[in-house]
PDB file of N, CA and C in Angstrom:
ATOM      1  N   MET A   1      13.522  -9.682  -8.241  1.00  0.00           N
ATOM      2  CA  MET A   1      12.236  -9.253  -7.907  1.00  0.00           C
ATOM      3  C   MET A   1      12.344  -7.981  -6.562  1.00  0.00           C
ATOM      4  N   ARG A   2      11.477  -7.125  -6.773  1.00  0.00           N
ATOM      5  CA  ARG A   2      11.456  -5.896  -5.736  1.00  0.00           C
ATOM      6  C   ARG A   2      10.007  -5.976  -4.864  1.00  0.00           C
ATOM      7  N   THR A   3      10.101  -5.224  -3.907  1.00  0.00           N
ATOM      8  CA  THR A   3       9.102  -5.287  -3.145  1.00  0.00           C
ATOM      9  C   THR A   3       8.340  -3.957  -3.156  1.00  0.00           C
ATOM     10  N   TYR A   4       7.060  -3.988  -3.505  1.00  0.00           N
ATOM     11  CA  TYR A   4       6.399  -2.692  -3.721  1.00  0.00           C
ATOM     12  C   TYR A   4       5.021  -2.626  -2.649  1.00  0.00           C
ATOM     13  N   GLU A   5       4.791  -1.400  -2.438  1.00  0.00           N
ATOM     14  CA  GLU A   5       3.495  -1.136  -1.704  1.00  0.00           C
ATOM     15  C   GLU A   5       2.700  -0.310  -2.434  1.00  0.00           C
ATOM     16  N   THR A   6       1.330  -0.594  -2.489  1.00  0.00           N
ATOM     17  CA  THR A   6       0.312  -0.253  -3.071  1.00  0.00           C
ATOM     18  C   THR A   6      -0.824   0.293  -2.255  1.00  0.00           C
ATOM     19  N   VAL A   7      -1.326   1.578  -2.378  1.00  0.00           N
ATOM     20  CA  VAL A   7      -2.402   1.963  -1.570  1.00  0.00           C
ATOM     21  C   VAL A   7      -3.423   2.473  -2.498  1.00  0.00           C
ATOM     22  N   LEU A   8      -4.735   1.837  -2.377  1.00  0.00           N
ATOM     23  CA  LEU A   8      -5.751   2.106  -3.301  1.00  0.00           C
ATOM     24  C   LEU A   8      -6.914   2.970  -2.263  1.00  0.00           C
ATOM     25  N   ILE A   9      -7.434   3.997  -2.917  1.00  0.00           N
ATOM     26  CA  ILE A   9      -8.606   4.631  -2.323  1.00  0.00           C
ATOM     27  C   ILE A   9      -9.653   4.358  -3.243  1.00  0.00           C
ATOM     28  N   LEU A  10     -10.563   3.546  -2.724  1.00  0.00           N
ATOM     29  CA  LEU A  10     -11.863   3.145  -3.356  1.00  0.00           C
ATOM     30  C   LEU A  10     -13.152   4.083  -3.063  1.00  0.00           C
ATOM     31  N   LYS A  11     -14.080   3.908  -4.054  1.00  0.00           N
ATOM     32  CA  LYS A  11     -15.258   4.578  -3.925  1.00  0.00           C
ATOM     33  C   LYS A  11     -16.054   4.274  -2.311  1.00  0.00           C
ATOM     34  N   PRO A  12     -16.604   5.339  -1.760  1.00  0.00           N
ATOM     35  CA  PRO A  12     -17.144   5.267  -0.556  1.00  0.00           C
ATOM     36  C   PRO A  12     -18.394   4.370  -0.612  1.00  0.00           C
ATOM     37  N   VAL A  13     -19.247   4.117  -1.723  1.00  0.00           N
ATOM     38  CA  VAL A  13     -20.344   3.464  -1.769  1.00  0.00           C
ATOM     39  C   VAL A  13     -20.122   2.049  -1.865  1.00  0.00           C
ATOM     40  N   MET A  14     -18.836   1.346  -2.011  1.00  0.00           N
ATOM     41  CA  MET A  14     -18.474   0.083  -2.142  1.00  0.00           C
ATOM     42  C   MET A  14     -18.956  -0.618  -0.701  1.00  0.00           C
ATOM     43  N   SER A  15     -19.514  -1.747  -0.704  1.00  0.00           N
ATOM     44  CA  SER A  15     -19.727  -2.758   0.499  1.00  0.00           C
ATOM     45  C   SER A  15     -18.317  -3.417   0.770  1.00  0.00           C
ATOM     46  N   ASP A  16     -18.147  -4.064   2.120  1.00  0.00           N
ATOM     47  CA  ASP A  16     -17.215  -4.714   2.380  1.00  0.00           C
ATOM     48  C   ASP A  16     -16.776  -5.798   1.544  1.00  0.00           C
ATOM     49  N   PRO A  17     -17.821  -6.574   1.139  1.00  0.00           N
ATOM     50  CA  PRO A  17     -17.642  -7.662   0.315  1.00  0.00           C
ATOM     51  C   PRO A  17     -16.891  -7.427  -1.038  1.00  0.00           C
ATOM     52  N   GLU A  18     -17.710  -6.269  -1.653  1.00  0.00           N
ATOM     53  CA  GLU A  18     -17.098  -5.548  -2.883  1.00  0.00           C
ATOM     54  C   GLU A  18     -15.542  -5.058  -2.867  1.00  0.00           C
ATOM     55  N   VAL A  19     -15.235  -4.485  -1.546  1.00  0.00           N
ATOM     56  CA  VAL A  19     -13.819  -4.211  -1.435  1.00  0.00           C
ATOM     57  C   VAL A  19     -12.805  -5.381  -1.067  1.00  0.00           C
ATOM     58  N   ALA A  20     -13.385  -6.432  -0.634  1.00  0.00           N
ATOM     59  CA  ALA A  20     -12.587  -7.581  -0.457  1.00  0.00           C
ATOM     60  C   ALA A  20     -12.392  -8.300  -1.808  1.00  0.00           C
ATOM     61  N   GLU A  21     -13.362  -8.233  -2.624  1.00  0.00           N
ATOM     62  CA  GLU A  21     -13.384  -8.830  -3.780  1.00  0.00           C
ATOM     63  C   GLU A  21     -12.417  -8.118  -4.772  1.00  0.00           C
ATOM     64  N   LEU A  22     -12.385  -7.010  -4.714  1.00  0.00           N
ATOM     65  CA  LEU A  22     -11.365  -6.216  -5.724  1.00  0.00           C
ATOM     66  C   LEU A  22     -10.135  -6.267  -5.397  1.00  0.00           C
ATOM     67  N   VAL A  23     -10.059  -6.434  -3.886  1.00  0.00           N
ATOM     68  CA  VAL A  23      -8.285  -6.707  -3.204  1.00  0.00           C
ATOM     69  C   VAL A  23      -7.904  -8.241  -3.636  1.00  0.00           C
ATOM     70  N   GLU A  24      -8.869  -8.986  -3.869  1.00  0.00           N
ATOM     71  CA  GLU A  24      -8.686 -10.378  -4.147  1.00  0.00           C
ATOM     72  C   GLU A  24      -8.035 -10.380  -5.640  1.00  0.00           C
ATOM     73  N   LYS A  25      -8.925  -9.733  -6.314  1.00  0.00           N
ATOM     74  CA  LYS A  25      -8.706  -9.579  -7.830  1.00  0.00           C
ATOM     75  C   LYS A  25      -7.120  -9.080  -8.132  1.00  0.00           C
ATOM     76  N   ALA A  26      -7.026  -8.106  -7.475  1.00  0.00           N
ATOM     77  CA  ALA A  26      -5.329  -7.478  -7.481  1.00  0.00           C
ATOM     78  C   ALA A  26      -4.470  -8.539  -7.004  1.00  0.00           C
ATOM     79  N   LYS A  27      -4.905  -9.210  -6.098  1.00  0.00           N
ATOM     80  CA  LYS A  27      -3.908 -10.150  -5.664  1.00  0.00           C
ATOM     81  C   LYS A  27      -3.661 -11.464  -6.533  1.00  0.00           C
ATOM     82  N   GLN A  28      -4.629 -11.716  -7.329  1.00  0.00           N
ATOM     83  CA  GLN A  28      -4.567 -12.711  -8.258  1.00  0.00           C
ATOM     84  C   GLN A  28      -3.791 -12.265  -9.671  1.00  0.00           C
ATOM     85  N   VAL A  29      -4.017 -10.826  -9.979  1.00  0.00           N
ATOM     86  CA  VAL A  29      -3.124 -10.448 -10.867  1.00  0.00           C
ATOM     87  C   VAL A  29      -1.662 -10.565 -10.619  1.00  0.00           C
ATOM     88  N   ILE A  30      -1.359 -10.133  -9.287  1.00  0.00           N
ATOM     89  CA  ILE A  30       0.042 -10.336  -8.942  1.00  0.00           C
ATOM     90  C   ILE A  30       0.623 -11.598  -8.831  1.00  0.00           C
ATOM     91  N   SER A  31      -0.191 -12.882  -8.458  1.00  0.00           N
ATOM     92  CA  SER A  31       0.359 -14.003  -8.200  1.00  0.00           C
ATOM     93  C   SER A  31       0.192 -14.743  -9.739  1.00  0.00           C
ATOM     94  N   GLY A  32      -0.716 -14.224 -10.525  1.00  0.00           N
ATOM     95  CA  GLY A  32      -0.443 -14.854 -11.824  1.00  0.00           C
ATOM     96  C   GLY A  32       0.636 -14.380 -12.485  1.00  0.00           C
ATOM     97  N   ASP A  33       1.108 -13.267 -12.374  1.00  0.00           N
ATOM     98  CA  ASP A  33       2.338 -12.790 -13.049  1.00  0.00           C
ATOM     99  C   ASP A  33       3.604 -13.348 -12.277  1.00  0.00           C
ATOM    100  N   GLY A  34       3.590 -14.112 -11.495  1.00  0.00           N
ATOM    101  CA  GLY A  34       4.787 -14.709 -10.799  1.00  0.00           C
ATOM    102  C   GLY A  34       5.264 -13.874  -9.417  1.00  0.00           C
ATOM    103  N   GLY A  35       4.284 -13.094  -9.058  1.00  0.00           N
ATOM    104  CA  GLY A  35       4.752 -12.077  -7.891  1.00  0.00           C
ATOM    105  C   GLY A  35       4.136 -12.975  -6.511  1.00  0.00           C
ATOM    106  N   GLU A  36       4.370 -12.494  -5.472  1.00  0.00           N
ATOM    107  CA  GLU A  36       4.202 -12.842  -4.007  1.00  0.00           C
ATOM    108  C   GLU A  36       3.675 -11.888  -3.501  1.00  0.00           C
ATOM    109  N   VAL A  37       2.297 -11.876  -2.907  1.00  0.00           N
ATOM    110  CA  VAL A  37       1.621 -10.946  -2.016  1.00  0.00           C
ATOM    111  C   VAL A  37       2.274 -11.232  -0.454  1.00  0.00           C
ATOM    112  N   VAL A  38       2.746 -10.240   0.012  1.00  0.00           N
ATOM    113  CA  VAL A  38       3.351 -10.458   1.334  1.00  0.00           C
ATOM    114  C   VAL A  38       2.531 -10.044   2.306  1.00  0.00           C
ATOM    115  N   ASN A  39       1.776  -9.073   2.162  1.00  0.00           N
ATOM    116  CA  ASN A  39       0.511  -8.601   3.026  1.00  0.00           C
ATOM    117  C   ASN A  39      -0.422  -7.904   2.410  1.00  0.00           C
ATOM    118  N   ASN A  40      -1.506  -7.769   3.003  1.00  0.00           N
ATOM    119  CA  ASN A  40      -2.715  -6.907   2.413  1.00  0.00           C
ATOM    120  C   ASN A  40      -3.524  -6.640   3.619  1.00  0.00           C
ATOM    121  N   GLU A  41      -4.048  -5.370   3.618  1.00  0.00           N
ATOM    122  CA  GLU A  41      -5.013  -4.886   4.702  1.00  0.00           C
ATOM    123  C   GLU A  41      -6.089  -4.010   4.217  1.00  0.00           C
ATOM    124  N   ILE A  42      -7.146  -4.037   4.684  1.00  0.00           N
ATOM    125  CA  ILE A  42      -8.201  -3.108   4.380  1.00  0.00           C
ATOM    126  C   ILE A  42      -8.329  -2.247   5.479  1.00  0.00           C
ATOM    127  N   TRP A  43      -7.767  -0.824   5.264  1.00  0.00           N
ATOM    128  CA  TRP A  43      -7.767   0.112   6.219  1.00  0.00           C
ATOM    129  C   TRP A  43      -9.212   0.905   6.651  1.00  0.00           C
ATOM    130  N   GLY A  44     -10.171   0.737   5.583  1.00  0.00           N
ATOM    131  CA  GLY A  44     -11.557   0.992   5.993  1.00  0.00           C
ATOM    132  C   GLY A  44     -11.808   2.408   5.626  1.00  0.00           C
ATOM    133  N   ARG A  45     -12.960   3.132   5.969  1.00  0.00           N
ATOM    134  CA  ARG A  45     -13.548   4.236   5.311  1.00  0.00           C
ATOM    135  C   ARG A  45     -12.806   5.162   6.074  1.00  0.00           C
ATOM    136  N   ARG A  46     -12.413   6.344   5.364  1.00  0.00           N
ATOM    137  CA  ARG A  46     -11.714   7.451   5.891  1.00  0.00           C
ATOM    138  C   ARG A  46     -12.251   8.688   5.235  1.00  0.00           C
ATOM    139  N   LYS A  47     -12.123  10.028   5.994  1.00  0.00           N
ATOM    140  CA  LYS A  47     -12.391  11.130   5.279  1.00  0.00           C
ATOM    141  C   LYS A  47     -11.245  11.702   4.567  1.00  0.00           C
ATOM    142  N   LEU A  48     -11.491  11.954   3.271  1.00  0.00           N
ATOM    143  CA  LEU A  48     -10.406  12.605   2.519  1.00  0.00           C
ATOM    144  C   LEU A  48     -10.092  13.996   2.804  1.00  0.00           C
ATOM    145  N   THR A  49      -8.926  14.488   2.536  1.00  0.00           N
ATOM    146  CA  THR A  49      -8.474  15.871   3.150  1.00  0.00           C
ATOM    147  C   THR A  49      -9.027  16.823   1.886  1.00  0.00           C
ATOM    148  N   HIS A  50      -9.224  16.169   0.462  1.00  0.00           N
ATOM    149  CA  HIS A  50      -9.725  17.067  -0.311  1.00  0.00           C
ATOM    150  C   HIS A  50     -10.733  16.248  -1.280  1.00  0.00           C
ATOM    151  N   LEU A  51     -11.702  16.807  -2.162  1.00  0.00           N
ATOM    152  CA  LEU A  51     -12.535  16.026  -2.959  1.00  0.00           C
ATOM    153  C   LEU A  51     -11.837  15.582  -3.786  1.00  0.00           C
ATOM    154  N   ILE A  52     -12.258  14.074  -4.355  1.00  0.00           N
ATOM    155  CA  ILE A  52     -11.697  13.464  -5.315  1.00  0.00           C
ATOM    156  C   ILE A  52     -12.934  13.115  -6.319  1.00  0.00           C
ATOM    157  N   GLY A  53     -13.281  13.941  -7.329  1.00  0.00           N
ATOM    158  CA  GLY A  53     -14.330  13.891  -7.989  1.00  0.00           C
ATOM    159  C   GLY A  53     -15.592  14.586  -7.020  1.00  0.00           C
ATOM    160  N   LYS A  54     -16.459  13.849  -6.790  1.00  0.00           N
ATOM    161  CA  LYS A  54     -17.496  14.331  -5.704  1.00  0.00           C
ATOM    162  C   LYS A  54     -17.506  13.512  -4.416  1.00  0.00           C
ATOM    163  N   ALA A  55     -16.469  12.731  -4.294  1.00  0.00           N
ATOM    164  CA  ALA A  55     -16.180  11.861  -3.023  1.00  0.00           C
ATOM    165  C   ALA A  55     -15.543  12.720  -1.929  1.00  0.00           C
ATOM    166  N   ARG A  56     -16.176  12.692  -0.926  1.00  0.00           N
ATOM    167  CA  ARG A  56     -15.635  13.410   0.339  1.00  0.00           C
ATOM    168  C   ARG A  56     -14.913  12.315   1.277  1.00  0.00           C
ATOM    169  N   GLU A  57     -15.200  11.114   1.223  1.00  0.00           N
ATOM    170  CA  GLU A  57     -14.402   9.985   1.699  1.00  0.00           C
ATOM    171  C   GLU A  57     -14.139   8.828   0.715  1.00  0.00           C
ATOM    172  N   GLY A  58     -13.473   7.945   1.338  1.00  0.00           N
ATOM    173  CA  GLY A  58     -13.008   6.639   0.782  1.00  0.00           C
ATOM    174  C   GLY A  58     -12.574   5.459   1.344  1.00  0.00           C
ATOM    175  N   VAL A  59     -12.664   4.508   0.882  1.00  0.00           N
ATOM    176  CA  VAL A  59     -12.304   3.169   1.524  1.00  0.00           C
ATOM    177  C   VAL A  59     -10.563   2.803   1.034  1.00  0.00           C
ATOM    178  N   TYR A  60     -10.114   2.772   2.035  1.00  0.00           N
ATOM    179  CA  TYR A  60      -8.421   2.627   1.791  1.00  0.00           C
ATOM    180  C   TYR A  60      -8.189   1.061   1.855  1.00  0.00           C
ATOM    181  N   ALA A  61      -7.381   0.566   0.926  1.00  0.00           N
ATOM    182  CA  ALA A  61      -6.752  -0.679   0.907  1.00  0.00           C
ATOM    183  C   ALA A  61      -5.162  -0.507   0.624  1.00  0.00           C
ATOM    184  N   TYR A  62      -4.664  -1.735   1.257  1.00  0.00           N
ATOM    185  CA  TYR A  62      -3.006  -1.740   1.155  1.00  0.00           C
ATOM    186  C   TYR A  62      -2.713  -2.986   0.706  1.00  0.00           C
ATOM    187  N   LEU A  63      -1.688  -3.161  -0.271  1.00  0.00           N
ATOM    188  CA  LEU A  63      -1.070  -4.123  -0.747  1.00  0.00           C
ATOM    189  C   LEU A  63       0.331  -4.089  -0.615  1.00  0.00           C
ATOM    190  N   LYS A  64       1.177  -5.227  -0.236  1.00  0.00           N
ATOM    191  CA  LYS A  64       2.462  -5.269  -0.065  1.00  0.00           C
ATOM    192  C   LYS A  64       2.955  -6.396  -0.829  1.00  0.00           C
ATOM    193  N   TYR A  65       3.714  -6.468  -2.022  1.00  0.00           N
ATOM    194  CA  TYR A  65       3.938  -7.562  -2.758  1.00  0.00           C
ATOM    195  C   TYR A  65       5.377  -7.656  -3.282  1.00  0.00           C
ATOM    196  N   ARG A  66       5.952  -8.751  -3.546  1.00  0.00           N
ATOM    197  CA  ARG A  66       7.062  -8.877  -4.414  1.00  0.00           C
ATOM    198  C   ARG A  66       6.839  -9.266  -5.823  1.00  0.00           C
ATOM    199  N   ALA A  67       7.466  -8.544  -6.919  1.00  0.00           N
ATOM    200  CA  ALA A  67       7.048  -8.803  -8.236  1.00  0.00           C
ATOM    201  C   ALA A  67       8.230  -8.070  -9.225  1.00  0.00           C
ATOM    202  N   ASN A  68       7.975  -8.435 -10.301  1.00  0.00           N
ATOM    203  CA  ASN A  68       9.136  -7.782 -11.459  1.00  0.00           C
ATOM    204  C   ASN A  68       8.350  -6.659 -11.871  1.00  0.00           C
ATOM    205  N   PRO A  69       9.321  -5.388 -12.122  1.00  0.00           N
ATOM    206  CA  PRO A  69       8.915  -4.346 -12.661  1.00  0.00           C
ATOM    207  C   PRO A  69       7.739  -4.223 -13.753  1.00  0.00           C
ATOM    208  N   PRO A  70       7.774  -5.140 -14.856  1.00  0.00           N
ATOM    209  CA  PRO A  70       6.597  -5.124 -15.787  1.00  0.00           C
ATOM    210  C   PRO A  70       5.272  -5.252 -15.212  1.00  0.00           C
ATOM    211  N   LEU A  71       5.336  -6.080 -13.987  1.00  0.00           N
ATOM    212  CA  LEU A  71       3.796  -6.220 -13.401  1.00  0.00           C
ATOM    213  C   LEU A  71       3.163  -4.710 -13.277  1.00  0.00           C
ATOM    214  N   LEU A  72       3.788  -3.834 -12.760  1.00  0.00           N
ATOM    215  CA  LEU A  72       3.218  -2.584 -12.305  1.00  0.00           C
ATOM    216  C   LEU A  72       2.632  -2.007 -13.468  1.00  0.00           C
ATOM    217  N   LYS A  73       3.077  -2.042 -14.796  1.00  0.00           N
ATOM    218  CA  LYS A  73       2.300  -1.434 -15.894  1.00  0.00           C
ATOM    219  C   LYS A  73       0.951  -2.108 -15.879  1.00  0.00           C
ATOM    220  N   LYS A  74       1.006  -3.404 -15.654  1.00  0.00           N
ATOM    221  CA  LYS A  74      -0.376  -4.254 -15.798  1.00  0.00           C
ATOM    222  C   LYS A  74      -1.309  -3.812 -14.653  1.00  0.00           C
ATOM    223  N   LEU A  75      -0.814  -3.541 -13.483  1.00  0.00           N
ATOM    224  CA  LEU A  75      -1.692  -3.189 -12.421  1.00  0.00           C
ATOM    225  C   LEU A  75      -2.179  -1.927 -12.644  1.00  0.00           C
ATOM    226  N   ARG A  76      -1.321  -0.876 -13.025  1.00  0.00           N
ATOM    227  CA  ARG A  76      -1.669   0.343 -13.235  1.00  0.00           C
ATOM    228  C   ARG A  76      -2.849   0.418 -14.310  1.00  0.00           C
ATOM    229  N   HIS A  77      -2.660  -0.563 -15.084  1.00  0.00           N
ATOM    230  CA  HIS A  77      -3.669  -0.310 -16.342  1.00  0.00           C
ATOM    231  C   HIS A  77      -5.080  -0.751 -15.856  1.00  0.00           C
ATOM    232  N   ASN A  78      -4.835  -2.109 -15.093  1.00  0.00           N
ATOM    233  CA  ASN A  78      -6.142  -2.608 -14.471  1.00  0.00           C
ATOM    234  C   ASN A  78      -6.899  -1.693 -13.504  1.00  0.00           C
ATOM    235  N   PHE A  79      -5.891  -0.631 -12.633  1.00  0.00           N
ATOM    236  CA  PHE A  79      -6.528   0.269 -11.857  1.00  0.00           C
ATOM    237  C   PHE A  79      -7.236   1.326 -12.264  1.00  0.00           C
ATOM    238  N   SER A  80      -6.530   1.759 -13.504  1.00  0.00           N
ATOM    239  CA  SER A  80      -7.141   2.781 -14.352  1.00  0.00           C
ATOM    240  C   SER A  80      -8.494   2.456 -14.924  1.00  0.00           C
ATOM    241  N   VAL A  81      -8.627   1.237 -15.215  1.00  0.00           N
ATOM    242  CA  VAL A  81      -9.799   0.997 -16.135  1.00  0.00           C
ATOM    243  C   VAL A  81     -10.867   0.527 -15.204  1.00  0.00           C
ATOM    244  N   SER A  82     -10.629   0.259 -13.930  1.00  0.00           N
ATOM    245  CA  SER A  82     -11.811  -0.288 -12.657  1.00  0.00           C
ATOM    246  C   SER A  82     -12.437   1.145 -12.465  1.00  0.00           C
ATOM    247  N   GLY A  83     -13.847   1.142 -12.562  1.00  0.00           N
ATOM    248  CA  GLY A  83     -14.475   2.376 -12.087  1.00  0.00           C
ATOM    249  C   GLY A  83     -14.624   2.633 -10.690  1.00  0.00           C
ATOM    250  N   GLU A  84     -14.316   1.632  -9.972  1.00  0.00           N
ATOM    251  CA  GLU A  84     -14.395   1.447  -8.260  1.00  0.00           C
ATOM    252  C   GLU A  84     -13.190   2.369  -7.588  1.00  0.00           C
ATOM    253  N   ILE A  85     -12.043   2.614  -8.229  1.00  0.00           N
ATOM    254  CA  ILE A  85     -10.722   2.930  -7.757  1.00  0.00           C
ATOM    255  C   ILE A  85     -10.717   4.515  -8.052  1.00  0.00           C
ATOM    256  N   LEU A  86     -10.635   5.391  -7.002  1.00  0.00           N
ATOM    257  CA  LEU A  86     -10.648   6.620  -7.045  1.00  0.00           C
ATOM    258  C   LEU A  86      -9.187   6.854  -7.374  1.00  0.00           C
ATOM    259  N   ARG A  87      -8.124   6.557  -6.550  1.00  0.00           N
ATOM    260  CA  ARG A  87      -6.758   6.851  -6.571  1.00  0.00           C
ATOM    261  C   ARG A  87      -5.923   5.609  -6.202  1.00  0.00           C
ATOM    262  N   ASP A  88      -4.873   5.739  -6.745  1.00  0.00           N
ATOM    263  CA  ASP A  88      -4.005   4.542  -6.452  1.00  0.00           C
ATOM    264  C   ASP A  88      -2.324   4.902  -6.374  1.00  0.00           C
ATOM    265  N   MET A  89      -1.581   4.555  -5.692  1.00  0.00           N
ATOM    266  CA  MET A  89      -0.280   5.055  -5.542  1.00  0.00           C
ATOM    267  C   MET A  89       0.665   3.637  -5.129  1.00  0.00           C
ATOM    268  N   THR A  90       1.622   3.595  -5.908  1.00  0.00           N
ATOM    269  CA  THR A  90       2.752   2.278  -5.568  1.00  0.00           C
ATOM    270  C   THR A  90       4.028   3.059  -5.644  1.00  0.00           C
ATOM    271  N   VAL A  91       4.688   2.351  -4.589  1.00  0.00           N
ATOM    272  CA  VAL A  91       6.197   2.987  -4.364  1.00  0.00           C
ATOM    273  C   VAL A  91       6.735   1.547  -3.976  1.00  0.00           C
ATOM    274  N   VAL A  92       8.128   1.904  -4.368  1.00  0.00           N
ATOM    275  CA  VAL A  92       9.109   0.840  -4.050  1.00  0.00           C
ATOM    276  C   VAL A  92       9.302   0.552  -2.374  1.00  0.00           C
ATOM    277  N   ALA A  93       9.192  -0.248  -1.848  1.00  0.00           N
ATOM    278  CA  ALA A  93       9.108  -0.432  -0.250  1.00  0.00           C
ATOM    279  C   ALA A  93      10.562  -0.444   0.120  1.00  0.00           C
ATOM    280  N   SER A  94      11.017   0.229   0.983  1.00  0.00           N
ATOM    281  CA  SER A  94      12.488   0.220   1.292  1.00  0.00           C
ATOM    282  C   SER A  94      12.595  -0.941   2.548  1.00  0.00           C
ATOM    283  N   GLU A  95      13.582  -1.550   2.218  1.00  0.00           N
ATOM    284  CA  GLU A  95      14.011  -2.673   3.457  1.00  0.00           C
ATOM    285  C   GLU A  95      14.904  -2.231   4.398  1.00  0.00           C
ATOM    286  N   ARG A  96      14.226  -1.399   5.183  1.00  0.00           N
ATOM    287  CA  ARG A  96      14.944  -0.717   6.307  1.00  0.00           C
ATOM    288  C   ARG A  96      15.725  -1.864   7.276  1.00  0.00           C
ATOM    289  N   LYS A  97      16.770  -1.917   7.513  1.00  0.00           N
ATOM    290  CA  LYS A  97      17.594  -2.508   8.654  1.00  0.00           C
ATOM    291  C   LYS A  97      18.230  -1.805   9.569  1.00  0.00           C
ATOM    292  N   TYR A  98      17.463  -1.554  10.762  1.00  0.00           N
ATOM    293  CA  TYR A  98      18.051  -0.855  11.766  1.00  0.00           C
ATOM    294  C   TYR A  98      18.989  -1.691  12.608  1.00  0.00           C
ATOM    295  N   LYS A  99      19.844  -0.955  13.257  1.00  0.00           N
ATOM    296  CA  LYS A  99      20.849  -1.452  14.100  1.00  0.00           C
ATOM    297  C   LYS A  99      20.566  -1.194  15.256  1.00  0.00           C
ATOM    298  N   ALA A 100      20.667  -1.798  16.453  1.00  0.00           N
ATOM    299  CA  ALA A 100      20.323  -1.136  17.715  1.00  0.00           C
ATOM    300  C   ALA A 100      21.519  -0.237  18.230  1.00  0.00           C
ATOM    301  N   LYS A 101      21.290   0.872  18.579  1.00  0.00           N
ATOM    302  CA  LYS A 101      22.243   1.672  18.900  1.00  0.00           C
ATOM    303  C   LYS A 101      22.881   1.484  20.254  1.00  0.00           C
ATOM    304  N   GLU A 102      24.072   1.213  20.629  1.00  0.00           N
ATOM    305  CA  GLU A 102      24.559   0.885  21.831  1.00  0.00           C
ATOM    306  C   GLU A 102      24.700   2.123  22.687  1.00  0.00           C
ATOM    307  N   LYS A 103      24.279   2.455  23.847  1.00  0.00           N
ATOM    308  CA  LYS A 103      24.381   3.689  24.419  1.00  0.00           C
ATOM    309  C   LYS A 103      25.550   3.495  25.395  1.00  0.00           C
ATOM    310  N   LYS A 104      26.595   4.561  24.869  1.00  0.00           N
ATOM    311  CA  LYS A 104      27.858   4.707  25.612  1.00  0.00           C
ATOM    312  C   LYS A 104      27.755   5.635  26.904  1.00  0.00           C
ATOM    313  N   PRO A 105      28.191   4.822  27.995  1.00  0.00           N
ATOM    314  CA  PRO A 105      28.027   5.773  29.281  1.00  0.00           C
ATOM    315  C   PRO A 105      28.759   6.962  29.077  1.00  0.00           C
ATOM    316  N   LYS A 106      28.236   8.188  29.695  1.00  0.00           N
ATOM    317  CA  LYS A 106      28.944   9.222  29.742  1.00  0.00           C
ATOM    318  C   LYS A 106      29.935   9.356  30.672  1.00  0.00           C
ATOM    319  N   ALA A 107      31.036   9.917  30.502  1.00  0.00           N
ATOM    320  CA  ALA A 107      32.187   9.984  31.387  1.00  0.00           C
ATOM    321  C   ALA A 107      31.714  11.281  32.347  1.00  0.00           C
ATOM    322  N   PRO A 108      32.028  10.882  33.757  1.00  0.00           N
ATOM    323  CA  PRO A 108      31.505  11.798  34.796  1.00  0.00           C
ATOM    324  C   PRO A 108      32.267  13.199  34.564  1.00  0.00           C
ATOM    325  N   ALA A 109      31.608  14.283  34.957  1.00  0.00           N
ATOM    326  CA  ALA A 109      32.134  15.604  34.771  1.00  0.00           C
ATOM    327  C   ALA A 109      33.236  15.680  35.820  1.00  0.00           C
ATOM    328  N   ALA A 110      34.288  16.561  35.355  1.00  0.00           N
ATOM    329  CA  ALA A 110      35.277  16.612  36.200  1.00  0.00           C
ATOM    330  C   ALA A 110      35.096  17.649  37.183  1.00  0.00           C
ATOM    331  N   ALA A 111      35.445  17.554  38.364  1.00  0.00           N
ATOM    332  CA  ALA A 111      35.235  18.448  39.581  1.00  0.00           C
ATOM    333  C   ALA A 111      36.474  19.561  39.359  1.00  0.00           C
ATOM    334  N   SER A 112      35.875  20.881  39.524  1.00  0.00           N
ATOM    335  CA  SER A 112      36.974  21.939  39.509  1.00  0.00           C
ATOM    336  C   SER A 112      37.215  22.221  40.789  1.00  0.00           C
TER     337      SER A 112
END
């Protein structure tokens, strides 16, 4: 299983309970196909940089989950059929492992 991140831009006329319900449905699809939801957040209403249809703003939702690749096709279909979703984007989440860099002391400058 791989880790994916999906960002949804929803219609601005949706209420908070409707947004929560749509995110919950997406989580159920992921869990129903053997995936695991790692994190989900509703980022709220934001102004769009350009018009999408006639919408000047949208409600953003974020999902991070572990799933098998065939699930992406199913999710993409569900998002395209839904009339509430303006845009969606899914990417493979990179598992970054940062190592703390040790600072080496600088040698004192030689006196001339």
